[in-house]
Amino acid sequence: METSVKNKAQLLLEQYKKIRKHSESICGPLQTEDYVVQPIEDVSPPKWHLGHTTWFFETFILIPYFEGYLEFNPQYNFVFNSYYETVGARVVRTDRGNLSRPSVSDIYAYRSYVDEQMEKYLTKAVLSDEIYAVLELGLNHEQQHQELLLTDIKYILGHNPLFPLYEADDIGVQFNLASDLQDNLDFIEMSEGIYEIGFSGAGFSFDNESGRHKKYLEAYQIAASPVTNAEYFEFMQDRGYEDFRHWHSEGWDWVKQHQARSPLYWHFTDGDWGYYKLSGFQSINWSEAVCHVNFYEASAFASWKGMRLPLEEEWEAASSLFGWGERWEWTNSAYLPYPRYSKASGAIGEYNGKFMVNQMVLRGSSIATPKGHSRSSYRNFFHPRHQWQFSGIRLVK
């Protein structure tokens, strides 16, 4: 029994080291100045992500559970707390880019200190189920921020007029290929019936995936592949961004306010379209799945095609029949709790439940998702206006 506990702690420590190292490898290609930039409210400076994920382990593991632990800097709680009201006051999100201090070197010193203390703790501690659950949440939380790091880095570099090249090793996931892929079909037929939705089985899941339940679905057809750049370009050429009939009222307001004409990072220069990717500015690969479209755009495109976006239950029920993992895929489902959902007490209870309003669900994963951090029950969520995530479109009819 004791050996089993020690092995579990050792495996957890190895996982901790691997995940923490990966966050830093994502930032490896950056120049020091890249760590500080915050072009818009939704984008956090890379150095803030590195500090915040470190703060999570210090605040929720080391301070309450590691006897004799000394905080690296008591002021960091104010700087790196994101949205946890339970933990206290914090820097306003829009001001994260105004913080020249702590410096990048200070934050790497902070990470090193906390990692050293975490290793000491995990080497000696006998972990209760409660502590283990918080640790597991912390590791998955850091993986979420690894995806946000890539998303924010692309926005920072993609809005630099020099379009800097970003290169990093070990980025992204392998596609989640269907176990029973129906070849040579444009659409997959799904019968009406009752389907079970939500996480089941062993392993980690977020609380918003829990409450597995039955859902009756009408018969539907779901696209075997996501919408490509070429298909989306047809919508643009047909003046899709100028035809209010395909847009929600709020989406049409967004189009007019931003003078939107294309997905994020697309540019019409020298008589041709190109786009910025992490590998630099280049000609558009028309066969690739379209990327960086928001919910308004995805819904308008579906309307233009005479189709719709899938409900999240429809997506999950069919997910074993098609390949996914290139793009987070917008659904036509509002982000709401499943049956029997209940928030945990304390700060951890603020992780998901407080955001269940004015958000739409995305399913799957993307090329920016860390390896091992995707599953068919995963519920990502963003406001309909957000383009900067690696998001795309799958149609239903």
Protein backbone atom coordinates (compact mmCIF):
# COMPACT_ATOMS: atom_id res chain seq x y z
CA MET A 1 0.00 0.00 0.00
CA GLU A 2 2.80 2.41 0.97
CA THR A 3 4.71 1.54 -2.21
CA SER A 4 1.61 2.26 -4.26
CA VAL A 5 1.24 5.69 -2.64
CA LYS A 6 4.91 6.48 -3.27
CA ASN A 7 4.65 5.40 -6.89
CA LYS A 8 1.60 7.57 -7.36
CA ALA A 9 3.44 10.57 -5.90
CA GLN A 10 6.49 9.88 -8.09
CA LEU A 11 4.37 9.66 -11.23
CA LEU A 12 2.66 12.90 -10.27
CA LEU A 13 6.03 14.61 -9.75
CA GLU A 14 7.26 13.44 -13.16
CA GLN A 15 4.06 14.72 -14.76
CA TYR A 16 4.44 18.02 -12.91
CA LYS A 17 8.01 18.50 -14.17
CA LYS A 18 7.07 17.63 -17.76
CA ILE A 19 4.13 20.03 -17.89
CA ARG A 20 6.02 22.86 -16.23
CA LYS A 21 8.94 22.42 -18.63
CA HIS A 22 6.60 22.50 -21.62
CA SER A 23 5.24 25.92 -20.63
CA GLU A 24 8.75 27.32 -20.71
CA SER A 25 9.56 25.59 -24.01
CA ILE A 26 6.60 27.39 -25.60
CA CYS A 27 8.20 30.69 -24.59
CA GLY A 28 11.67 29.61 -25.69
CA PRO A 29 11.57 31.34 -29.13
CA LEU A 30 10.44 34.68 -27.67
CA GLN A 31 12.50 37.81 -27.31
CA THR A 32 12.36 39.48 -23.89
CA GLU A 33 10.15 42.27 -25.26
CA ASP A 34 7.59 39.70 -26.50
CA TYR A 35 6.89 38.60 -22.92
CA VAL A 36 5.39 41.96 -21.90
CA VAL A 37 3.01 42.95 -24.72
CA GLN A 38 -0.78 43.08 -24.22
CA PRO A 39 -2.34 44.36 -27.48
CA ILE A 40 -5.96 43.86 -26.34
CA GLU A 41 -7.80 42.98 -23.15
CA ASP A 42 -8.29 39.33 -24.14
CA VAL A 43 -4.56 38.74 -24.64
CA SER A 44 -2.36 38.34 -21.57
CA PRO A 45 1.42 38.91 -21.72
CA PRO A 46 3.32 35.60 -21.85
CA LYS A 47 5.18 36.46 -18.65
CA TRP A 48 1.85 36.81 -16.86
CA HIS A 49 0.83 33.28 -17.92
CA LEU A 50 4.12 31.92 -16.55
CA GLY A 51 3.61 33.75 -13.27
CA HIS A 52 -0.09 32.94 -12.90
CA THR A 53 0.34 29.18 -13.38
CA THR A 54 3.10 29.26 -10.78
CA TRP A 55 0.92 31.27 -8.40
CA PHE A 56 -1.75 28.56 -8.67
CA PHE A 57 0.53 25.89 -7.16
CA GLU A 58 1.91 28.27 -4.54
CA THR A 59 -1.55 29.48 -3.48
CA PHE A 60 -3.55 26.26 -3.55
CA ILE A 61 -0.88 23.67 -2.62
CA LEU A 62 2.23 25.05 -0.95
CA ILE A 63 0.77 27.75 1.30
CA PRO A 64 -2.08 25.66 2.76
CA TYR A 65 -0.41 22.23 2.83
CA PHE A 66 3.40 22.53 3.00
CA GLU A 67 4.31 23.29 6.58
CA GLY A 68 6.98 25.97 6.92
CA TYR A 69 6.67 27.17 3.34
CA LEU A 70 7.78 30.79 2.79
CA GLU A 71 6.12 32.75 -0.02
CA PHE A 72 8.47 33.87 -2.76
CA ASN A 73 6.92 37.35 -2.75
CA PRO A 74 3.66 38.11 -0.86
CA GLN A 75 2.83 40.87 -3.39
CA TYR A 76 2.58 38.33 -6.21
CA ASN A 77 -0.91 37.29 -5.07
CA PHE A 78 -2.14 40.72 -6.21
CA VAL A 79 -0.26 40.50 -9.52
CA PHE A 80 -1.03 36.91 -10.57
CA ASN A 81 -4.50 36.22 -9.20
CA SER A 82 -6.73 36.01 -12.28
CA TYR A 83 -10.36 35.99 -11.19
CA TYR A 84 -10.53 34.27 -7.79
CA GLU A 85 -12.58 36.55 -5.56
CA THR A 86 -12.03 34.13 -2.66
CA VAL A 87 -8.28 34.75 -2.73
CA GLY A 88 -8.45 38.56 -2.67
CA ALA A 89 -7.79 41.69 -4.73
CA ARG A 90 -5.90 41.57 -8.03
CA VAL A 91 -4.57 43.65 -10.90
CA VAL A 92 -7.28 44.59 -13.40
CA ARG A 93 -6.98 42.33 -16.46
CA THR A 94 -6.46 45.25 -18.85
CA ASP A 95 -3.45 46.39 -16.82
CA ARG A 96 -1.42 43.18 -17.08
CA GLY A 97 0.58 44.63 -19.95
CA ASN A 98 1.47 47.72 -17.90
CA LEU A 99 3.51 45.72 -15.41
CA SER A 100 7.18 46.16 -16.27
CA ARG A 101 7.89 44.50 -12.92
CA PRO A 102 8.20 41.75 -11.94
CA SER A 103 10.67 41.28 -14.76
CA VAL A 104 10.90 38.20 -16.96
CA SER A 105 13.95 37.04 -15.00
CA ASP A 106 12.04 37.58 -11.74
CA ILE A 107 9.23 35.35 -12.98
CA TYR A 108 11.58 32.58 -14.07
CA ALA A 109 13.20 32.79 -10.61
CA TYR A 110 9.70 32.51 -9.11
CA ARG A 111 8.95 29.42 -11.21
CA SER A 112 12.25 27.83 -10.21
CA TYR A 113 11.63 28.48 -6.52
CA VAL A 114 8.09 27.09 -6.55
CA ASP A 115 9.13 24.06 -8.61
CA GLU A 116 11.90 23.30 -6.12
CA GLN A 117 9.47 23.56 -3.22
CA MET A 118 6.87 21.46 -5.02
CA GLU A 119 9.43 18.72 -5.57
CA LYS A 120 10.28 18.72 -1.86
CA TYR A 121 6.61 18.59 -0.97
CA LEU A 122 5.68 15.84 -3.42
CA THR A 123 8.69 13.76 -2.39
CA LYS A 124 7.61 13.74 1.26
CA ALA A 125 3.86 14.26 1.34
CA VAL A 126 1.17 11.62 1.66
CA LEU A 127 -1.49 13.09 -0.56
CA SER A 128 -5.11 13.03 0.49
CA ASP A 129 -7.77 12.69 -2.18
CA GLU A 130 -8.53 16.40 -1.73
CA ILE A 131 -4.93 17.51 -2.29
CA TYR A 132 -4.48 15.12 -5.21
CA ALA A 133 -7.59 16.56 -6.88
CA VAL A 134 -6.25 20.12 -6.54
CA LEU A 135 -2.86 19.06 -7.91
CA GLU A 136 -4.47 17.35 -10.87
CA LEU A 137 -6.59 20.44 -11.50
CA GLY A 138 -3.45 22.60 -11.31
CA LEU A 139 -1.69 20.52 -13.96
CA ASN A 140 -4.67 20.68 -16.30
CA HIS A 141 -4.98 24.39 -15.56
CA GLU A 142 -1.38 24.88 -16.69
CA GLN A 143 -2.10 22.94 -19.87
CA GLN A 144 -5.02 25.25 -20.57
CA HIS A 145 -2.64 28.19 -20.21
CA GLN A 146 -0.16 26.53 -22.57
CA GLU A 147 -2.84 26.72 -25.25
CA LEU A 148 -3.61 30.32 -24.26
CA LEU A 149 0.12 31.08 -24.43
CA LEU A 150 0.25 29.97 -28.06
CA THR A 151 -2.98 31.79 -28.83
CA ASP A 152 -1.73 35.02 -27.23
CA ILE A 153 1.76 34.74 -28.72
CA LYS A 154 0.22 34.41 -32.18
CA TYR A 155 -1.87 37.53 -31.59
CA ILE A 156 1.15 39.47 -30.33
CA LEU A 157 3.39 38.47 -33.24
CA GLY A 158 0.58 38.47 -35.80
CA HIS A 159 -0.16 42.12 -35.05
CA ASN A 160 3.46 43.14 -35.39
CA PRO A 161 3.90 44.67 -38.89
CA LEU A 162 7.10 42.63 -39.30
CA PHE A 163 5.12 39.36 -38.92
CA PRO A 164 7.91 37.70 -36.88
CA LEU A 165 8.53 33.99 -37.31
CA TYR A 166 7.77 31.83 -34.28
CA GLU A 167 9.31 28.39 -34.01
CA ALA A 168 9.06 25.90 -31.17
CA ASP A 169 9.44 22.16 -30.75
CA ASP A 170 6.78 19.74 -29.47
CA ILE A 171 3.79 22.00 -30.07
CA GLY A 172 0.31 20.64 -30.72
CA VAL A 173 -1.47 17.30 -30.69
CA GLN A 174 -2.00 14.42 -33.03
CA PHE A 175 -5.44 14.33 -34.59
CA ASN A 176 -8.11 12.38 -32.75
CA LEU A 177 -8.96 10.05 -35.59
CA ALA A 178 -12.32 8.34 -35.69
CA SER A 179 -12.34 4.75 -34.56
CA ASP A 180 -14.98 3.95 -37.18
CA LEU A 181 -14.38 6.64 -39.79
CA GLN A 182 -16.87 6.61 -42.63
CA ASP A 183 -14.69 7.20 -45.69
CA ASN A 184 -15.83 9.00 -48.82
CA LEU A 185 -18.82 10.60 -47.11
CA ASP A 186 -19.40 14.33 -47.01
CA PHE A 187 -21.95 13.94 -44.22
CA ILE A 188 -22.46 11.28 -41.57
CA GLU A 189 -26.00 10.09 -40.90
CA MET A 190 -27.03 10.06 -37.24
CA SER A 191 -30.25 8.32 -36.24
CA GLU A 192 -32.76 9.83 -33.89
CA GLY A 193 -32.57 8.39 -30.42
CA ILE A 194 -31.32 8.79 -26.88
CA TYR A 195 -27.58 9.39 -26.43
CA GLU A 196 -25.48 9.58 -23.27
CA ILE A 197 -23.58 12.85 -22.95
CA GLY A 198 -20.80 13.85 -20.57
CA PHE A 199 -17.62 12.40 -19.14
CA SER A 200 -17.41 8.77 -18.10
CA GLY A 201 -14.63 6.42 -17.17
CA ALA A 202 -11.30 6.91 -15.43
CA GLY A 203 -8.94 9.85 -15.64
CA PHE A 204 -9.27 13.58 -15.23
CA SER A 205 -12.14 15.76 -16.37
CA PHE A 206 -13.28 19.26 -15.46
CA ASP A 207 -16.39 19.64 -13.34
CA ASN A 208 -18.34 21.14 -16.26
CA GLU A 209 -18.10 17.78 -18.07
CA SER A 210 -19.72 15.91 -15.17
CA GLY A 211 -23.33 14.98 -14.74
CA ARG A 212 -23.45 12.39 -17.51
CA HIS A 213 -27.01 12.36 -18.76
CA LYS A 214 -29.28 11.14 -21.51
CA LYS A 215 -30.31 13.40 -24.36
CA TYR A 216 -32.88 12.76 -27.04
CA LEU A 217 -31.70 13.90 -30.49
CA GLU A 218 -33.64 14.15 -33.72
CA ALA A 219 -32.04 12.54 -36.78
CA TYR A 220 -29.33 14.74 -38.29
CA GLN A 221 -26.38 14.73 -40.68
CA ILE A 222 -23.01 16.08 -39.54
CA ALA A 223 -20.13 16.98 -41.83
CA ALA A 224 -17.30 14.45 -41.94
CA SER A 225 -14.76 17.27 -42.25
CA PRO A 226 -14.46 20.84 -41.01
CA VAL A 227 -15.03 23.78 -43.37
CA THR A 228 -11.91 24.64 -45.41
CA ASN A 229 -10.37 27.99 -46.28
CA ALA A 230 -11.57 27.53 -49.86
CA GLU A 231 -15.15 26.96 -48.77
CA TYR A 232 -15.07 29.95 -46.47
CA PHE A 233 -13.56 32.12 -49.22
CA GLU A 234 -16.63 31.39 -51.35
CA PHE A 235 -18.70 32.98 -48.60
CA MET A 236 -16.43 36.04 -48.66
CA GLN A 237 -16.60 36.29 -52.47
CA ASP A 238 -20.39 36.11 -52.31
CA ARG A 239 -20.34 39.22 -50.10
CA GLY A 240 -21.24 37.21 -47.01
CA TYR A 241 -19.89 39.96 -44.77
CA GLU A 242 -22.21 42.45 -46.47
CA ASP A 243 -25.46 40.49 -46.26
CA PHE A 244 -27.20 41.11 -42.92
CA ARG A 245 -29.65 38.26 -43.56
CA HIS A 246 -27.10 35.66 -42.46
CA TRP A 247 -26.06 37.37 -39.22
CA HIS A 248 -27.43 37.56 -35.71
CA SER A 249 -28.24 41.15 -34.79
CA GLU A 250 -25.32 41.23 -32.36
CA GLY A 251 -23.08 39.66 -35.00
CA TRP A 252 -24.11 42.24 -37.58
CA ASP A 253 -23.25 44.99 -35.07
CA TRP A 254 -19.85 43.34 -34.67
CA VAL A 255 -19.30 43.26 -38.47
CA LYS A 256 -20.08 46.97 -38.80
CA GLN A 257 -18.10 48.02 -35.74
CA HIS A 258 -14.97 46.14 -36.81
CA GLN A 259 -15.49 46.43 -40.58
CA ALA A 260 -14.95 42.68 -40.67
CA ARG A 261 -14.30 41.10 -44.08
CA SER A 262 -12.31 37.94 -43.32
CA PRO A 263 -11.05 35.61 -40.60
CA LEU A 264 -8.47 36.99 -38.21
CA TYR A 265 -4.90 37.18 -39.62
CA TRP A 266 -6.06 37.25 -43.27
CA HIS A 267 -4.67 40.17 -45.32
CA PHE A 268 -5.29 41.26 -48.90
CA THR A 269 -1.94 42.54 -50.20
CA ASP A 270 -0.52 42.97 -53.68
CA GLY A 271 -3.74 41.72 -55.23
CA ASP A 272 -3.83 38.43 -53.34
CA TRP A 273 -4.86 36.98 -49.99
CA GLY A 274 -2.32 35.77 -47.45
CA TYR A 275 -2.41 35.00 -43.76
CA TYR A 276 -0.15 35.03 -40.74
CA LYS A 277 0.67 31.69 -39.15
CA LEU A 278 3.15 30.87 -36.40
CA SER A 279 5.47 29.83 -39.24
CA GLY A 280 5.28 33.37 -40.68
CA PHE A 281 3.23 35.24 -43.27
CA GLN A 282 2.42 33.10 -46.30
CA SER A 283 -0.03 32.33 -49.07
CA ILE A 284 -3.26 30.74 -47.93
CA ASN A 285 -3.46 26.96 -48.05
CA TRP A 286 -6.99 26.62 -49.38
CA SER A 287 -7.38 22.98 -48.35
CA GLU A 288 -6.70 23.67 -44.67
CA ALA A 289 -9.56 23.97 -42.19
CA VAL A 290 -10.54 27.61 -41.75
CA CYS A 291 -9.24 29.07 -38.50
CA HIS A 292 -9.77 32.09 -36.25
CA VAL A 293 -13.44 32.69 -36.95
CA ASN A 294 -15.79 33.67 -34.16
CA PHE A 295 -19.26 32.32 -33.43
CA TYR A 296 -20.92 35.12 -35.36
CA GLU A 297 -18.90 34.24 -38.47
CA ALA A 298 -19.41 30.50 -38.05
CA SER A 299 -23.15 30.94 -37.67
CA ALA A 300 -23.38 33.33 -40.64
CA PHE A 301 -21.42 30.92 -42.85
CA ALA A 302 -23.74 28.06 -41.83
CA SER A 303 -26.78 30.20 -42.68
CA TRP A 304 -25.28 31.09 -46.06
CA LYS A 305 -24.84 27.37 -46.76
CA GLY A 306 -28.44 26.67 -45.75
CA MET A 307 -27.27 24.63 -42.78
CA ARG A 308 -26.47 25.19 -39.09
CA LEU A 309 -23.89 24.57 -36.42
CA PRO A 310 -24.19 21.37 -34.36
CA LEU A 311 -25.56 21.31 -30.85
CA GLU A 312 -22.80 20.23 -28.48
CA GLU A 313 -24.71 16.99 -27.80
CA GLU A 314 -24.85 16.28 -31.55
CA TRP A 315 -21.12 16.89 -31.83
CA GLU A 316 -20.28 14.57 -28.94
CA ALA A 317 -22.66 11.81 -30.04
CA ALA A 318 -21.02 11.67 -33.48
CA SER A 319 -17.43 12.42 -32.46
CA SER A 320 -16.21 8.83 -32.77
CA LEU A 321 -17.22 8.83 -36.45
CA PHE A 322 -15.05 11.68 -37.71
CA GLY A 323 -11.55 13.00 -37.20
CA TRP A 324 -11.18 16.07 -35.00
CA GLY A 325 -8.37 18.06 -33.43
CA GLU A 326 -7.41 20.64 -36.07
CA ARG A 327 -9.66 23.38 -34.71
CA TRP A 328 -11.90 24.02 -31.77
CA GLU A 329 -15.33 23.74 -33.34
CA TRP A 330 -18.13 26.18 -32.54
CA THR A 331 -21.43 24.65 -31.51
CA ASN A 332 -24.87 26.21 -31.36
CA SER A 333 -25.06 25.53 -27.62
CA ALA A 334 -24.89 28.07 -24.83
CA TYR A 335 -22.44 27.25 -22.04
CA LEU A 336 -24.73 26.02 -19.27
CA PRO A 337 -24.43 23.45 -16.46
CA TYR A 338 -25.28 19.81 -16.99
CA PRO A 339 -27.94 18.15 -14.81
CA ARG A 340 -26.74 17.58 -11.22
CA TYR A 341 -23.85 20.02 -11.67
CA SER A 342 -22.71 21.63 -8.42
CA LYS A 343 -19.87 24.04 -7.77
CA ALA A 344 -17.14 23.06 -5.35
CA SER A 345 -16.67 25.17 -2.24
CA GLY A 346 -14.01 27.86 -1.96
CA ALA A 347 -11.81 29.26 -4.72
CA ILE A 348 -11.81 26.05 -6.77
CA GLY A 349 -15.57 26.45 -7.17
CA GLU A 350 -14.89 29.62 -9.15
CA TYR A 351 -13.05 27.70 -11.87
CA ASN A 352 -15.92 27.05 -14.29
CA GLY A 353 -19.38 27.69 -12.87
CA LYS A 354 -19.15 31.47 -12.64
CA PHE A 355 -18.66 31.70 -16.43
CA MET A 356 -21.86 29.89 -17.38
CA VAL A 357 -23.49 32.94 -18.98
CA ASN A 358 -23.06 34.75 -22.32
CA GLN A 359 -20.64 32.11 -23.65
CA MET A 360 -20.91 29.55 -26.43
CA VAL A 361 -19.48 26.03 -26.30
CA LEU A 362 -16.67 24.81 -28.56
CA ARG A 363 -15.83 21.13 -28.86
CA GLY A 364 -12.78 19.06 -29.78
CA SER A 365 -9.29 20.55 -29.57
CA SER A 366 -6.82 22.34 -31.84
CA ILE A 367 -3.25 22.27 -33.06
CA ALA A 368 -2.44 24.44 -30.04
CA THR A 369 -3.87 21.99 -27.51
CA PRO A 370 -1.17 20.18 -25.47
CA LYS A 371 -0.77 16.47 -26.04
CA GLY A 372 -2.99 14.40 -23.78
CA HIS A 373 -5.30 17.33 -23.01
CA SER A 374 -8.24 16.51 -25.28
CA ARG A 375 -11.28 14.26 -25.08
CA SER A 376 -14.69 14.14 -26.73
CA SER A 377 -16.48 15.38 -23.59
CA TYR A 378 -14.26 18.49 -23.17
CA ARG A 379 -16.31 21.71 -23.11
CA ASN A 380 -14.37 24.81 -24.12
CA PHE A 381 -16.23 28.12 -24.03
CA PHE A 382 -15.78 31.67 -25.26
CA HIS A 383 -17.84 34.76 -25.95
CA PRO A 384 -19.28 34.80 -29.51
CA ARG A 385 -17.04 37.74 -30.54
CA HIS A 386 -13.75 35.95 -29.91
CA GLN A 387 -11.68 35.21 -33.02
CA TRP A 388 -8.25 34.76 -31.53
CA GLN A 389 -8.73 31.16 -30.44
CA PHE A 390 -7.81 28.40 -32.94
CA SER A 391 -11.49 27.95 -33.80
CA GLY A 392 -13.25 26.60 -36.88
CA ILE A 393 -16.55 25.29 -38.26
CA ARG A 394 -18.29 21.94 -38.74
CA LEU A 395 -21.75 21.95 -40.32
CA VAL A 396 -24.96 20.04 -39.64
CA LYS A 397 -28.08 19.59 -41.72
